[in-house]
Amino acid sequence: MEINGEYTFDAPRDIVWNAVRDPDVLGSILPGGEGIEEVGENEYVGNLKIKVGPVQGKFKGNIALSNINEPESYDIAVDGKGAPGFVKATGDLKLSEQGDKTHMLYAGKAQVGGRIASVGQRLVESAAKSIIRQSLEGLNAYCVAQVAAQNAPPPPPEPVAAPTTPNATPTPPPSARPNIPPPPAYTPPTQTELMVNVARDIAKESPEIAFAAGAVALLVLQFFLRLLRGKK
C-alpha cells in the first residue's frame, strides 16, 4: 500500500519543523493517539487506537527517524503490532518555505497484515488517508496557535505604586491593560468523532463501501427497534 500527498501549513517552516519533531505535540494531535514517548535518540514508542470497518483495537508502534536534514526533511520507519494485526511502514517528508507558510510533501509504503487486512486494501487505504488528513489539520491548528502566541504583544509592565505619606489615603494603581488570552489549544477528536470522520472520508472515496456500511447500520438499527418493541 502506497500513501503520498501534500499539505500547506499556515505557519513558517521553523515552527512546523519543531512540531513534527516534538513527540508531545504529535501525541496530542494524532487522532486515536494515546501518547508518544521518546526512548532513544530519534527513536519513539507510541500507542494508537483505531477502528477500520469491523476491526478495532490498539497498536503499539516503534518509530525511528533517520537521514535528518534540519529543517527540511527526514525519513521515518514504523513497526506496529496489536490485536488488529500488524503494520510495517517506511516513508519520508519534506518541508519547503512558501513565504510565511510551509509546504509539506510526504510519501510512504506500508505493509498491513492480520485481521485489519481482512477488511480490504481499499478500505484500509481510505481509513489511513483520513487519519493522516485529520492529523495534519490538527498539526496545522497547533502551529497557527504557536504563531499567534509569538505575535501577541508583551504583557504591560507592572504599575509602580506611588509613595505614601502618614495618614494619607493610598492612591490605587492605574488598572493594567487586560492580558490577551492565549490561543485555544487544539483538542484532538474523540474516538467517536474519529470514526465519523473516517466514515465520511470513506464515503467520498468509496461510495459502494459506504453504501454497504449504511445497509449494515440499517439492519442493526432495525434489530434494536424490534428488541425495543418486544419489551413494550
Protein backbone atom coordinates (compact mmCIF):
# COMPACT_ATOMS: atom_id res chain seq x y z
CA MET A 1 0.00 0.00 0.00
CA GLU A 2 1.40 3.38 -1.04
CA ILE A 3 0.43 6.64 0.61
CA ASN A 4 1.59 10.03 -0.56
CA GLY A 5 0.31 13.56 -0.54
CA GLU A 6 0.96 17.18 0.30
CA TYR A 7 -0.24 19.80 2.74
CA THR A 8 0.29 23.54 3.27
CA PHE A 9 0.64 24.81 6.83
CA ASP A 10 -0.31 28.34 7.82
CA ALA A 11 2.96 28.80 9.71
CA PRO A 12 6.67 29.31 8.93
CA ARG A 13 8.90 26.30 8.47
CA ASP A 14 10.79 26.54 11.77
CA ILE A 15 7.55 26.22 13.75
CA VAL A 16 6.34 23.31 11.63
CA TRP A 17 9.73 21.56 11.88
CA ASN A 18 9.78 21.85 15.67
CA ALA A 19 6.22 20.49 15.79
CA VAL A 20 6.92 17.40 13.66
CA ARG A 21 9.95 16.63 15.85
CA ASP A 22 8.14 17.02 19.19
CA PRO A 23 6.65 13.72 20.49
CA ASP A 24 4.35 15.57 22.90
CA VAL A 25 2.86 17.56 20.03
CA LEU A 26 2.45 14.54 17.76
CA GLY A 27 0.95 12.51 20.57
CA SER A 28 -1.63 15.23 21.23
CA ILE A 29 -2.76 15.83 17.64
CA LEU A 30 -2.86 12.24 16.35
CA PRO A 31 -6.50 11.02 16.20
CA GLY A 32 -6.78 7.91 18.29
CA GLY A 33 -3.30 8.52 19.66
CA GLU A 34 -2.60 7.63 23.27
CA GLY A 35 0.81 9.21 23.66
CA ILE A 36 4.27 9.03 22.09
CA GLU A 37 7.35 8.52 24.25
CA GLU A 38 10.96 9.14 23.30
CA VAL A 39 13.01 6.03 24.15
CA GLY A 40 16.31 6.86 22.46
CA GLU A 41 17.98 9.22 20.03
CA ASN A 42 15.41 9.74 17.28
CA GLU A 43 13.51 6.66 18.47
CA TYR A 44 9.98 6.67 19.85
CA VAL A 45 7.22 4.33 21.04
CA GLY A 46 3.56 5.20 20.58
CA ASN A 47 0.09 3.74 21.04
CA LEU A 48 -2.77 4.17 18.58
CA LYS A 49 -6.39 3.11 18.98
CA ILE A 50 -8.19 2.66 15.68
CA LYS A 51 -11.32 1.22 14.12
CA VAL A 52 -11.49 0.21 10.47
CA GLY A 53 -14.76 -1.41 9.48
CA PRO A 54 -15.49 -4.26 11.92
CA VAL A 55 -11.88 -4.38 13.17
CA GLN A 56 -10.85 -2.27 16.11
CA GLY A 57 -8.13 -2.32 18.75
CA LYS A 58 -4.82 -0.84 19.79
CA PHE A 59 -1.47 -0.76 18.04
CA LYS A 60 1.85 -0.29 19.80
CA GLY A 61 4.42 1.02 17.37
CA ASN A 62 8.14 1.67 17.29
CA ILE A 63 9.08 4.80 15.34
CA ALA A 64 12.60 5.62 14.12
CA LEU A 65 13.78 8.74 12.30
CA SER A 66 16.83 8.82 10.04
CA ASN A 67 18.54 10.97 7.39
CA ILE A 68 17.52 14.07 9.33
CA ASN A 69 18.22 17.27 7.42
CA GLU A 70 17.07 20.11 9.67
CA PRO A 71 14.74 21.89 8.99
CA GLU A 72 13.87 20.31 5.66
CA SER A 73 13.37 16.56 5.75
CA TYR A 74 13.69 13.20 7.44
CA ASP A 75 12.92 9.54 6.79
CA ILE A 76 10.66 7.54 9.09
CA ALA A 77 10.17 3.83 9.78
CA VAL A 78 7.23 2.42 11.74
CA ASP A 79 6.80 -1.11 13.09
CA GLY A 80 3.45 -1.58 14.83
CA LYS A 81 1.72 -4.60 16.31
CA GLY A 82 -1.53 -5.19 18.15
CA ALA A 83 -4.71 -7.21 18.37
CA PRO A 84 -5.95 -5.99 14.94
CA GLY A 85 -2.74 -7.19 13.21
CA PHE A 86 0.50 -5.52 12.25
CA VAL A 87 1.78 -2.68 10.10
CA LYS A 88 5.27 -2.00 8.78
CA ALA A 89 5.84 1.29 7.02
CA THR A 90 8.62 3.47 5.69
CA GLY A 91 8.35 6.99 4.37
CA ASP A 92 9.76 10.47 4.22
CA LEU A 93 8.59 14.06 4.49
CA LYS A 94 9.99 17.27 3.08
CA LEU A 95 9.25 20.83 4.14
CA SER A 96 9.73 23.85 1.89
CA GLU A 97 9.14 27.53 2.60
CA GLN A 98 6.32 29.35 0.82
CA GLY A 99 6.51 32.87 2.21
CA ASP A 100 5.05 32.74 5.70
CA LYS A 101 3.61 29.28 5.00
CA THR A 102 5.17 25.82 4.78
CA HIS A 103 4.53 23.18 2.14
CA MET A 104 4.89 19.51 3.07
CA LEU A 105 5.40 16.60 0.70
CA TYR A 106 5.11 13.11 2.18
CA ALA A 107 5.36 9.64 0.68
CA GLY A 108 5.49 6.15 2.10
CA LYS A 109 4.83 2.45 1.70
CA ALA A 110 3.06 0.25 4.21
CA GLN A 111 2.51 -3.46 4.64
CA VAL A 112 -0.57 -4.47 6.65
CA GLY A 113 -1.38 -7.95 7.92
CA GLY A 114 -3.66 -9.76 10.32
CA ARG A 115 -7.34 -9.09 10.92
CA ILE A 116 -7.09 -5.49 9.77
CA ALA A 117 -6.02 -6.67 6.31
CA SER A 118 -9.18 -8.78 6.04
CA VAL A 119 -11.37 -5.68 5.59
CA GLY A 120 -9.80 -4.99 2.21
CA GLN A 121 -6.96 -2.82 0.95
CA ARG A 122 -9.22 -0.09 -0.40
CA LEU A 123 -10.95 0.40 2.94
CA VAL A 124 -7.62 0.39 4.82
CA GLU A 125 -6.16 2.96 2.41
CA SER A 126 -9.20 5.24 2.78
CA ALA A 127 -9.03 4.99 6.58
CA ALA A 128 -5.28 5.69 6.57
CA LYS A 129 -5.72 8.76 4.36
CA SER A 130 -8.48 10.03 6.64
CA ILE A 131 -6.33 9.66 9.76
CA ILE A 132 -3.42 11.43 8.02
CA ARG A 133 -5.70 14.28 6.94
CA GLN A 134 -7.07 14.75 10.44
CA SER A 135 -3.55 14.61 11.90
CA LEU A 136 -2.26 17.28 9.51
CA GLU A 137 -5.24 19.52 10.24
CA GLY A 138 -4.55 19.15 13.96
CA LEU A 139 -0.87 19.89 13.44
CA ASN A 140 -1.76 23.00 11.45
CA ALA A 141 -4.06 24.19 14.25
CA TYR A 142 -1.22 23.75 16.74
CA CYS A 143 1.24 25.65 14.52
CA VAL A 144 -1.23 28.51 13.97
CA ALA A 145 -1.64 28.79 17.74
CA GLN A 146 2.16 28.99 18.11
CA VAL A 147 2.31 31.81 15.56
CA ALA A 148 -0.44 33.69 17.40
CA ALA A 149 1.40 33.28 20.70
CA GLN A 150 4.65 34.60 19.20
CA ASN A 151 2.90 37.62 17.66
CA ALA A 152 0.94 38.52 20.79
CA PRO A 153 2.02 41.83 22.36
CA PRO A 154 4.02 41.54 25.59
CA PRO A 155 2.13 41.98 28.86
CA PRO A 156 2.08 45.53 30.24
CA PRO A 157 4.67 46.48 32.88
CA GLU A 158 3.71 46.23 36.49
CA PRO A 159 2.39 49.60 37.79
CA VAL A 160 4.67 51.40 40.22
CA ALA A 161 2.95 52.27 43.49
CA ALA A 162 3.13 55.96 44.47
CA PRO A 163 4.93 56.74 47.74
CA THR A 164 2.59 57.19 50.66
CA THR A 165 2.66 59.71 53.46
CA PRO A 166 1.42 59.15 57.01
CA ASN A 167 -2.36 59.29 57.35
CA ALA A 168 -2.71 59.65 53.58
CA THR A 169 -5.14 57.54 51.65
CA PRO A 170 -3.12 55.36 49.28
CA THR A 171 -3.81 56.03 45.65
CA PRO A 172 -4.82 52.87 43.84
CA PRO A 173 -2.52 51.98 40.95
CA PRO A 174 -3.89 52.52 37.47
CA SER A 175 -5.66 49.48 36.12
CA ALA A 176 -3.45 47.40 33.92
CA ARG A 177 -4.39 46.56 30.40
CA PRO A 178 -6.00 43.08 30.39
CA ASN A 179 -3.73 40.36 29.14
CA ILE A 180 -4.55 38.88 25.76
CA PRO A 181 -5.78 35.33 26.32
CA PRO A 182 -3.61 32.60 24.89
CA PRO A 183 -4.78 30.92 21.68
CA PRO A 184 -7.08 27.97 22.25
CA ALA A 185 -5.31 24.63 22.50
CA TYR A 186 -6.03 22.04 19.84
CA THR A 187 -8.30 19.26 21.07
CA PRO A 188 -8.00 16.03 19.09
CA PRO A 189 -11.22 14.34 18.03
CA THR A 190 -12.75 11.75 20.30
CA GLN A 191 -12.83 8.11 19.21
CA THR A 192 -16.43 8.57 18.06
CA GLU A 193 -15.59 11.73 16.11
CA LEU A 194 -12.61 9.94 14.56
CA MET A 195 -14.85 7.08 13.40
CA VAL A 196 -17.40 9.53 11.96
CA ASN A 197 -14.70 11.47 10.11
CA VAL A 198 -13.15 8.28 8.73
CA ALA A 199 -16.57 7.05 7.58
CA ARG A 200 -17.25 10.40 5.89
CA ASP A 201 -13.93 10.26 4.03
CA ILE A 202 -14.51 6.65 3.01
CA ALA A 203 -17.92 7.64 1.64
CA LYS A 204 -16.27 10.26 -0.58
CA GLU A 205 -13.68 7.84 -1.99
CA SER A 206 -15.65 4.58 -1.96
CA PRO A 207 -19.41 5.12 -2.33
CA GLU A 208 -20.08 1.41 -2.72
CA ILE A 209 -18.30 0.63 0.57
CA ALA A 210 -20.23 3.42 2.28
CA PHE A 211 -23.49 2.00 0.88
CA ALA A 212 -22.66 -1.42 2.27
CA ALA A 213 -21.76 0.05 5.64
CA GLY A 214 -25.02 2.01 5.65
CA ALA A 215 -27.00 -1.13 4.86
CA VAL A 216 -25.38 -2.94 7.78
CA ALA A 217 -26.09 0.01 10.08
CA LEU A 218 -29.75 -0.01 8.95
CA LEU A 219 -30.08 -3.72 9.72
CA VAL A 220 -28.57 -3.20 13.17
CA LEU A 221 -30.98 -0.32 13.81
CA GLN A 222 -33.95 -2.43 12.76
CA PHE A 223 -32.79 -5.21 15.08
CA PHE A 224 -32.66 -2.88 18.08
CA LEU A 225 -36.06 -1.39 17.21
CA ARG A 226 -37.54 -4.89 17.26
CA LEU A 227 -35.99 -5.51 20.64
CA LEU A 228 -37.50 -2.29 21.97
CA ARG A 229 -40.94 -3.17 20.61
CA GLY A 230 -40.67 -6.59 22.21
CA LYS A 231 -40.03 -5.05 25.62
CA LYS A 232 -43.17 -2.90 25.50
